[in-house]
Each structure stands twice: as structure tokens, then as C-alpha cells.
Amino acid sequence: MNFLRRLGWYAIGMGLGILLVIFLFKDRDFQCTYLPNNRVLVDLNDQKIKLIELDSHSSEYIKICQDSSFIESFLMRGNIDFGKSKVVTREEIKYSQYPIELFYKGVHWNGIWERRVDTVALIKLQKI
């Protein structure tokens, strides 16, 4: 076989392989979440968000919690303190709780998020 014939067969096989991969994996949502912080944030962000039980009911906290970009920033760019988190498998609690810190518009925020069966709840919100 000459070189061009081999190259042609290689190109046909590569093309069929690419089509097969596209056909098999086209509807999947791939996310590169290998770090523990990212995995928990993606899991929290994928669930329905329900804001309840805030300790401070001042107008500032209510106003900031109604801002969807603030909530999305919390669950996409926040830093979780795993030393203070309470996970169902380790503790005798009903739901897992994660303290998440966020620097948003020049202010450091600390929020405690609780992962429930089908929702995520913001339990506590405070400025640092």
C-alpha cells in the first residue's frame, strides 16, 4: 500500500470514530469538577434554591438575597470551609450544612447553606 491509500483509510476510520463519539455523547452535560470545593458548589447549584430562615431580617439582607447574581455568585465562586461543615455521614444531623465565604462587590460575606432532599436553603447570612 502506498502512503496516500493508508492515509485515506486512516481518515475514514477517524471520521467514523468522531461521528460515533458525537452520536453517543451529544446529550450529556460534561463538567470538569475534580476539586472538592467545585463538586459541592456544582451539586448545590444544580438543586432548586430556597431562601429561608435567615437570622437577620434587616432590609439590607433581604435586598441582597433577592439579587439573583449574588446567590449565583455564592454557589459558583464561593469558598467552602470543610473544617466547619457538617455532613450527614459524619454527624447526627438531618441535612448537610456548608459554610461558604464570598467576596462580592467589596464586601466579605459568610453564609451557611443547607443541602436538603431536593432544595438548597440559605440558613444564615452575615458580613465579615
C-alpha atoms as a PDB file:
ATOM      1  CA  MET A   1       0.000   0.000   0.000  1.00  0.00           C
ATOM      2  CA  ASN A   2       1.266   3.406  -0.757  1.00  0.00           C
ATOM      3  CA  PHE A   3       1.170   6.275   1.691  1.00  0.00           C
ATOM      4  CA  LEU A   4      -1.888   8.060   0.270  1.00  0.00           C
ATOM      5  CA  ARG A   5      -4.011   4.919   0.435  1.00  0.00           C
ATOM      6  CA  ARG A   6      -3.084   4.355   4.091  1.00  0.00           C
ATOM      7  CA  LEU A   7      -3.789   7.998   4.866  1.00  0.00           C
ATOM      8  CA  GLY A   8      -7.221   7.676   3.224  1.00  0.00           C
ATOM      9  CA  TRP A   9      -8.163   4.615   5.293  1.00  0.00           C
ATOM     10  CA  TYR A  10      -6.921   6.362   8.435  1.00  0.00           C
ATOM     11  CA  ALA A  11      -9.043   9.450   7.642  1.00  0.00           C
ATOM     12  CA  ILE A  12     -12.150   7.304   7.014  1.00  0.00           C
ATOM     13  CA  GLY A  13     -11.673   5.478  10.335  1.00  0.00           C
ATOM     14  CA  MET A  14     -11.028   8.715  12.208  1.00  0.00           C
ATOM     15  CA  GLY A  15     -14.118  10.337  10.690  1.00  0.00           C
ATOM     16  CA  LEU A  16     -16.345   7.363  11.570  1.00  0.00           C
ATOM     17  CA  GLY A  17     -14.934   7.348  15.099  1.00  0.00           C
ATOM     18  CA  ILE A  18     -15.642  11.049  15.565  1.00  0.00           C
ATOM     19  CA  LEU A  19     -19.199  10.626  14.283  1.00  0.00           C
ATOM     20  CA  LEU A  20     -19.740   7.710  16.667  1.00  0.00           C
ATOM     21  CA  VAL A  21     -18.475   9.721  19.648  1.00  0.00           C
ATOM     22  CA  ILE A  22     -20.663  12.701  18.719  1.00  0.00           C
ATOM     23  CA  PHE A  23     -23.691  10.441  18.344  1.00  0.00           C
ATOM     24  CA  LEU A  24     -23.148   8.675  21.683  1.00  0.00           C
ATOM     25  CA  PHE A  25     -22.217  11.685  23.824  1.00  0.00           C
ATOM     26  CA  LYS A  26     -24.153  14.622  22.299  1.00  0.00           C
ATOM     27  CA  ASP A  27     -26.806  14.954  25.051  1.00  0.00           C
ATOM     28  CA  ARG A  28     -24.503  14.681  28.049  1.00  0.00           C
ATOM     29  CA  ASP A  29     -23.501  17.585  30.219  1.00  0.00           C
ATOM     30  CA  PHE A  30     -19.815  17.278  30.977  1.00  0.00           C
ATOM     31  CA  GLN A  31     -18.334  19.331  33.786  1.00  0.00           C
ATOM     32  CA  CYS A  32     -14.766  19.330  34.987  1.00  0.00           C
ATOM     33  CA  THR A  33     -15.332  19.336  38.729  1.00  0.00           C
ATOM     34  CA  TYR A  34     -12.485  17.423  40.260  1.00  0.00           C
ATOM     35  CA  LEU A  35     -11.776  19.522  43.339  1.00  0.00           C
ATOM     36  CA  PRO A  36     -13.983  19.031  46.417  1.00  0.00           C
ATOM     37  CA  ASN A  37     -14.963  22.711  46.584  1.00  0.00           C
ATOM     38  CA  ASN A  38     -16.148  22.691  42.971  1.00  0.00           C
ATOM     39  CA  ARG A  39     -18.014  19.403  43.313  1.00  0.00           C
ATOM     40  CA  VAL A  40     -20.065  20.613  46.269  1.00  0.00           C
ATOM     41  CA  LEU A  41     -20.772  24.003  44.667  1.00  0.00           C
ATOM     42  CA  VAL A  42     -21.956  22.356  41.429  1.00  0.00           C
ATOM     43  CA  ASP A  43     -24.163  19.981  43.410  1.00  0.00           C
ATOM     44  CA  LEU A  44     -25.676  22.867  45.379  1.00  0.00           C
ATOM     45  CA  ASN A  45     -26.119  24.972  42.245  1.00  0.00           C
ATOM     46  CA  ASP A  46     -27.915  22.159  40.400  1.00  0.00           C
ATOM     47  CA  GLN A  47     -30.670  21.969  43.007  1.00  0.00           C
ATOM     48  CA  LYS A  48     -33.592  24.350  43.436  1.00  0.00           C
ATOM     49  CA  ILE A  49     -32.684  27.297  45.670  1.00  0.00           C
ATOM     50  CA  LYS A  50     -34.959  28.159  48.560  1.00  0.00           C
ATOM     51  CA  LEU A  51     -34.015  31.079  50.820  1.00  0.00           C
ATOM     52  CA  ILE A  52     -35.339  30.576  54.316  1.00  0.00           C
ATOM     53  CA  GLU A  53     -34.581  31.037  57.975  1.00  0.00           C
ATOM     54  CA  LEU A  54     -32.217  33.994  57.777  1.00  0.00           C
ATOM     55  CA  ASP A  55     -31.127  35.158  61.219  1.00  0.00           C
ATOM     56  CA  SER A  56     -31.077  38.826  60.311  1.00  0.00           C
ATOM     57  CA  HIS A  57     -34.229  40.161  58.694  1.00  0.00           C
ATOM     58  CA  SER A  58     -32.915  43.668  58.024  1.00  0.00           C
ATOM     59  CA  SER A  59     -33.794  45.317  54.746  1.00  0.00           C
ATOM     60  CA  GLU A  60     -30.160  45.103  53.599  1.00  0.00           C
ATOM     61  CA  TYR A  61     -30.079  41.315  53.887  1.00  0.00           C
ATOM     62  CA  ILE A  62     -33.478  40.892  52.268  1.00  0.00           C
ATOM     63  CA  LYS A  63     -32.448  43.191  49.410  1.00  0.00           C
ATOM     64  CA  ILE A  64     -29.145  41.392  48.775  1.00  0.00           C
ATOM     65  CA  CYS A  65     -30.811  37.952  48.886  1.00  0.00           C
ATOM     66  CA  GLN A  66     -33.316  38.987  46.230  1.00  0.00           C
ATOM     67  CA  ASP A  67     -30.408  39.688  43.855  1.00  0.00           C
ATOM     68  CA  SER A  68     -30.045  36.525  41.776  1.00  0.00           C
ATOM     69  CA  SER A  69     -26.462  37.361  40.783  1.00  0.00           C
ATOM     70  CA  PHE A  70     -25.479  37.386  44.474  1.00  0.00           C
ATOM     71  CA  ILE A  71     -26.945  33.923  45.023  1.00  0.00           C
ATOM     72  CA  GLU A  72     -25.378  32.580  41.825  1.00  0.00           C
ATOM     73  CA  SER A  73     -22.008  34.052  42.828  1.00  0.00           C
ATOM     74  CA  PHE A  74     -22.272  32.339  46.192  1.00  0.00           C
ATOM     75  CA  LEU A  75     -22.843  28.968  44.584  1.00  0.00           C
ATOM     76  CA  MET A  76     -20.324  29.378  41.771  1.00  0.00           C
ATOM     77  CA  ARG A  77     -17.386  31.332  43.206  1.00  0.00           C
ATOM     78  CA  GLY A  78     -17.669  30.746  46.939  1.00  0.00           C
ATOM     79  CA  ASN A  79     -15.074  29.039  49.119  1.00  0.00           C
ATOM     80  CA  ILE A  80     -16.310  26.260  51.380  1.00  0.00           C
ATOM     81  CA  ASP A  81     -14.751  25.758  54.802  1.00  0.00           C
ATOM     82  CA  PHE A  82     -14.821  21.972  55.048  1.00  0.00           C
ATOM     83  CA  GLY A  83     -13.461  22.057  58.606  1.00  0.00           C
ATOM     84  CA  LYS A  84     -16.653  23.742  59.812  1.00  0.00           C
ATOM     85  CA  SER A  85     -19.062  21.901  57.529  1.00  0.00           C
ATOM     86  CA  LYS A  86     -21.483  19.371  58.961  1.00  0.00           C
ATOM     87  CA  VAL A  87     -22.097  16.412  56.686  1.00  0.00           C
ATOM     88  CA  VAL A  88     -24.828  13.839  57.268  1.00  0.00           C
ATOM     89  CA  THR A  89     -22.408  10.919  57.047  1.00  0.00           C
ATOM     90  CA  ARG A  90     -20.182  12.282  59.830  1.00  0.00           C
ATOM     91  CA  GLU A  91     -22.613  13.957  62.206  1.00  0.00           C
ATOM     92  CA  GLU A  92     -26.017  13.221  63.657  1.00  0.00           C
ATOM     93  CA  ILE A  93     -27.852  15.923  61.763  1.00  0.00           C
ATOM     94  CA  LYS A  94     -30.751  15.820  59.370  1.00  0.00           C
ATOM     95  CA  TYR A  95     -29.175  17.747  56.433  1.00  0.00           C
ATOM     96  CA  SER A  96     -25.641  18.625  55.357  1.00  0.00           C
ATOM     97  CA  GLN A  97     -24.548  22.192  56.090  1.00  0.00           C
ATOM     98  CA  TYR A  98     -21.721  24.045  54.369  1.00  0.00           C
ATOM     99  CA  PRO A  99     -20.280  27.430  55.412  1.00  0.00           C
ATOM    100  CA  ILE A 100     -19.416  29.334  52.223  1.00  0.00           C
ATOM    101  CA  GLU A 101     -17.428  32.575  52.093  1.00  0.00           C
ATOM    102  CA  LEU A 102     -17.724  35.046  49.221  1.00  0.00           C
ATOM    103  CA  PHE A 103     -16.137  38.377  48.327  1.00  0.00           C
ATOM    104  CA  TYR A 104     -18.928  40.231  46.482  1.00  0.00           C
ATOM    105  CA  LYS A 105     -18.795  43.906  45.455  1.00  0.00           C
ATOM    106  CA  GLY A 106     -16.138  44.791  48.008  1.00  0.00           C
ATOM    107  CA  VAL A 107     -17.782  43.008  50.952  1.00  0.00           C
ATOM    108  CA  HIS A 108     -16.892  39.659  52.518  1.00  0.00           C
ATOM    109  CA  TRP A 109     -19.991  37.524  53.099  1.00  0.00           C
ATOM    110  CA  ASN A 110     -20.334  34.324  55.065  1.00  0.00           C
ATOM    111  CA  GLY A 111     -23.367  32.135  54.510  1.00  0.00           C
ATOM    112  CA  ILE A 112     -24.384  28.749  55.817  1.00  0.00           C
ATOM    113  CA  TRP A 113     -26.084  26.671  53.142  1.00  0.00           C
ATOM    114  CA  GLU A 114     -28.031  23.520  53.851  1.00  0.00           C
ATOM    115  CA  ARG A 115     -28.448  20.758  51.249  1.00  0.00           C
ATOM    116  CA  ARG A 116     -31.861  19.181  51.621  1.00  0.00           C
ATOM    117  CA  VAL A 117     -33.522  16.381  49.670  1.00  0.00           C
ATOM    118  CA  ASP A 118     -34.487  18.428  46.629  1.00  0.00           C
ATOM    119  CA  THR A 119     -33.654  22.023  47.573  1.00  0.00           C
ATOM    120  CA  VAL A 120     -30.845  24.171  48.915  1.00  0.00           C
ATOM    121  CA  ALA A 121     -31.552  26.587  51.762  1.00  0.00           C
ATOM    122  CA  LEU A 122     -29.627  29.618  52.935  1.00  0.00           C
ATOM    123  CA  ILE A 123     -29.760  29.328  56.736  1.00  0.00           C
ATOM    124  CA  LYS A 124     -27.525  32.173  57.886  1.00  0.00           C
ATOM    125  CA  LEU A 125     -26.021  35.205  56.157  1.00  0.00           C
ATOM    126  CA  GLN A 126     -23.633  37.728  57.664  1.00  0.00           C
ATOM    127  CA  LYS A 127     -20.969  40.248  56.718  1.00  0.00           C
ATOM    128  CA  ILE A 128     -17.450  39.535  57.839  1.00  0.00           C
END
